[in-house]
Amino acid sequence: MRDRASYDFALVSVAAALDVQDGQITDARIALGGVGTKPWKATEAERVLIGSPANASTYEAAALATIHDAKPQQYNHFKVELLRRTLVQAFFQVTEGEQ
């Protein structure tokens, strides 16, 4: 996700794959980039998603679980909210047509 097309790199990136069966998330794989010194797996979000319904409330809960312990630095605190919104949008995109 980029909020301006002029950037050469993403401020926040999310790679997400959700397996949805009958409206329930049966598996989730999520990796994050651009918000730390290296990419990392969003295990907190995966735990919230697996076994839950594929809906906005679940997506928001997973995003909030991911940013709960975020420790932004002086000039990048805006990335916490950007990551939350990007995660929710990514979950909707990968489950489009599944609900």
C-alpha atoms as a PDB file:
ATOM      1  CA  MET A   1       0.000   0.000   0.000  1.00  0.00           C
ATOM      2  CA  ARG A   2       1.186   3.468  -0.809  1.00  0.00           C
ATOM      3  CA  ASP A   3      -0.651   6.656  -0.032  1.00  0.00           C
ATOM      4  CA  ARG A   4       1.116   8.449  -2.896  1.00  0.00           C
ATOM      5  CA  ALA A   5       2.192   7.026  -6.238  1.00  0.00           C
ATOM      6  CA  SER A   6       5.486   8.950  -6.129  1.00  0.00           C
ATOM      7  CA  TYR A   7       7.108   6.661  -3.552  1.00  0.00           C
ATOM      8  CA  ASP A   8       9.530   4.028  -4.801  1.00  0.00           C
ATOM      9  CA  PHE A   9       8.758   1.629  -1.956  1.00  0.00           C
ATOM     10  CA  ALA A  10       5.795   0.749   0.216  1.00  0.00           C
ATOM     11  CA  LEU A  11       5.514   2.391   3.615  1.00  0.00           C
ATOM     12  CA  VAL A  12       3.621  -0.703   4.752  1.00  0.00           C
ATOM     13  CA  SER A  13       3.225  -3.992   2.919  1.00  0.00           C
ATOM     14  CA  VAL A  14       0.994  -6.961   3.659  1.00  0.00           C
ATOM     15  CA  ALA A  15       1.058 -10.379   2.039  1.00  0.00           C
ATOM     16  CA  ALA A  16      -2.049 -12.300   3.103  1.00  0.00           C
ATOM     17  CA  ALA A  17      -3.606 -15.620   2.200  1.00  0.00           C
ATOM     18  CA  LEU A  18      -6.836 -16.739   3.871  1.00  0.00           C
ATOM     19  CA  ASP A  19      -8.611 -20.037   3.325  1.00  0.00           C
ATOM     20  CA  VAL A  20     -12.355 -19.568   3.825  1.00  0.00           C
ATOM     21  CA  GLN A  21     -14.767 -22.504   3.972  1.00  0.00           C
ATOM     22  CA  ASP A  22     -18.488 -21.841   4.450  1.00  0.00           C
ATOM     23  CA  GLY A  23     -17.812 -18.355   5.784  1.00  0.00           C
ATOM     24  CA  GLN A  24     -15.217 -19.492   8.348  1.00  0.00           C
ATOM     25  CA  ILE A  25     -11.493 -18.834   8.086  1.00  0.00           C
ATOM     26  CA  THR A  26      -9.772 -22.202   8.272  1.00  0.00           C
ATOM     27  CA  ASP A  27      -6.201 -21.048   7.617  1.00  0.00           C
ATOM     28  CA  ALA A  28      -4.336 -17.748   7.497  1.00  0.00           C
ATOM     29  CA  ARG A  29      -0.841 -16.761   6.454  1.00  0.00           C
ATOM     30  CA  ILE A  30       0.219 -13.152   6.852  1.00  0.00           C
ATOM     31  CA  ALA A  31       3.566 -11.418   6.391  1.00  0.00           C
ATOM     32  CA  LEU A  32       4.272  -7.736   7.012  1.00  0.00           C
ATOM     33  CA  GLY A  33       6.905  -5.440   5.580  1.00  0.00           C
ATOM     34  CA  GLY A  34       7.927  -1.822   5.727  1.00  0.00           C
ATOM     35  CA  VAL A  35       7.113  -1.362   9.408  1.00  0.00           C
ATOM     36  CA  GLY A  36      10.223  -2.812  10.998  1.00  0.00           C
ATOM     37  CA  THR A  37      13.829  -3.555  10.264  1.00  0.00           C
ATOM     38  CA  LYS A  38      12.863  -6.764   8.478  1.00  0.00           C
ATOM     39  CA  PRO A  39       9.675  -8.494   7.293  1.00  0.00           C
ATOM     40  CA  TRP A  40       7.870 -10.598   9.869  1.00  0.00           C
ATOM     41  CA  LYS A  41       5.001 -13.030  10.210  1.00  0.00           C
ATOM     42  CA  ALA A  42       1.805 -11.662  11.799  1.00  0.00           C
ATOM     43  CA  THR A  43       1.137 -14.617  14.092  1.00  0.00           C
ATOM     44  CA  GLU A  44      -1.218 -12.608  16.313  1.00  0.00           C
ATOM     45  CA  ALA A  45      -3.478 -11.830  13.371  1.00  0.00           C
ATOM     46  CA  GLU A  46      -3.354 -15.448  12.187  1.00  0.00           C
ATOM     47  CA  ARG A  47      -4.472 -16.681  15.616  1.00  0.00           C
ATOM     48  CA  VAL A  48      -7.433 -14.280  15.668  1.00  0.00           C
ATOM     49  CA  LEU A  49      -8.487 -15.139  12.123  1.00  0.00           C
ATOM     50  CA  ILE A  50      -8.316 -18.949  12.188  1.00  0.00           C
ATOM     51  CA  GLY A  51     -11.649 -20.397  13.280  1.00  0.00           C
ATOM     52  CA  SER A  52     -13.440 -17.045  13.063  1.00  0.00           C
ATOM     53  CA  PRO A  53     -16.039 -15.813  10.584  1.00  0.00           C
ATOM     54  CA  ALA A  54     -14.746 -13.965   7.528  1.00  0.00           C
ATOM     55  CA  ASN A  55     -16.215 -10.548   8.326  1.00  0.00           C
ATOM     56  CA  ALA A  56     -15.290  -6.961   9.165  1.00  0.00           C
ATOM     57  CA  SER A  57     -15.326  -7.516  12.941  1.00  0.00           C
ATOM     58  CA  THR A  58     -12.860 -10.384  12.681  1.00  0.00           C
ATOM     59  CA  TYR A  59     -10.591  -8.443  10.329  1.00  0.00           C
ATOM     60  CA  GLU A  60     -10.522  -5.446  12.648  1.00  0.00           C
ATOM     61  CA  ALA A  61      -9.813  -7.665  15.681  1.00  0.00           C
ATOM     62  CA  ALA A  62      -6.923  -9.316  13.842  1.00  0.00           C
ATOM     63  CA  ALA A  63      -5.480  -5.947  12.827  1.00  0.00           C
ATOM     64  CA  LEU A  64      -5.771  -4.602  16.377  1.00  0.00           C
ATOM     65  CA  ALA A  65      -4.066  -7.714  17.758  1.00  0.00           C
ATOM     66  CA  THR A  66      -1.195  -7.115  15.352  1.00  0.00           C
ATOM     67  CA  ILE A  67      -0.580  -3.498  16.374  1.00  0.00           C
ATOM     68  CA  HIS A  68      -1.322  -3.952  20.087  1.00  0.00           C
ATOM     69  CA  ASP A  69       2.328  -4.005  21.176  1.00  0.00           C
ATOM     70  CA  ALA A  70       3.693  -1.729  18.428  1.00  0.00           C
ATOM     71  CA  LYS A  71       6.576   0.479  19.518  1.00  0.00           C
ATOM     72  CA  PRO A  72       6.932   3.181  16.884  1.00  0.00           C
ATOM     73  CA  GLN A  73       9.941   5.459  16.746  1.00  0.00           C
ATOM     74  CA  GLN A  74       9.954   9.247  16.667  1.00  0.00           C
ATOM     75  CA  TYR A  75       9.184   9.718  12.982  1.00  0.00           C
ATOM     76  CA  ASN A  76       7.206   6.607  12.053  1.00  0.00           C
ATOM     77  CA  HIS A  77       4.325   6.478  14.539  1.00  0.00           C
ATOM     78  CA  PHE A  78       1.891   7.083  11.659  1.00  0.00           C
ATOM     79  CA  LYS A  79       2.699   3.586  10.385  1.00  0.00           C
ATOM     80  CA  VAL A  80       0.768   1.925  13.219  1.00  0.00           C
ATOM     81  CA  GLU A  81      -2.585   3.229  11.932  1.00  0.00           C
ATOM     82  CA  LEU A  82      -1.511   2.721   8.322  1.00  0.00           C
ATOM     83  CA  LEU A  83      -0.746  -0.924   9.105  1.00  0.00           C
ATOM     84  CA  ARG A  84      -4.124  -1.431  10.804  1.00  0.00           C
ATOM     85  CA  ARG A  85      -6.016  -0.046   7.821  1.00  0.00           C
ATOM     86  CA  THR A  86      -3.849  -1.914   5.313  1.00  0.00           C
ATOM     87  CA  LEU A  87      -4.391  -5.231   7.089  1.00  0.00           C
ATOM     88  CA  VAL A  88      -8.177  -4.823   7.115  1.00  0.00           C
ATOM     89  CA  GLN A  89      -8.203  -3.864   3.442  1.00  0.00           C
ATOM     90  CA  ALA A  90      -5.956  -6.814   2.538  1.00  0.00           C
ATOM     91  CA  PHE A  91      -8.276  -9.241   4.351  1.00  0.00           C
ATOM     92  CA  PHE A  92     -11.262  -7.909   2.420  1.00  0.00           C
ATOM     93  CA  GLN A  93      -9.361  -8.162  -0.862  1.00  0.00           C
ATOM     94  CA  VAL A  94      -8.296 -11.781  -0.382  1.00  0.00           C
ATOM     95  CA  THR A  95     -11.783 -12.883   0.688  1.00  0.00           C
ATOM     96  CA  GLU A  96     -13.704 -10.939  -1.963  1.00  0.00           C
ATOM     97  CA  GLY A  97     -16.486 -13.144  -3.249  1.00  0.00           C
ATOM     98  CA  GLU A  98     -16.090 -15.650  -0.406  1.00  0.00           C
ATOM     99  CA  GLN A  99     -18.709 -14.159   1.901  1.00  0.00           C
END
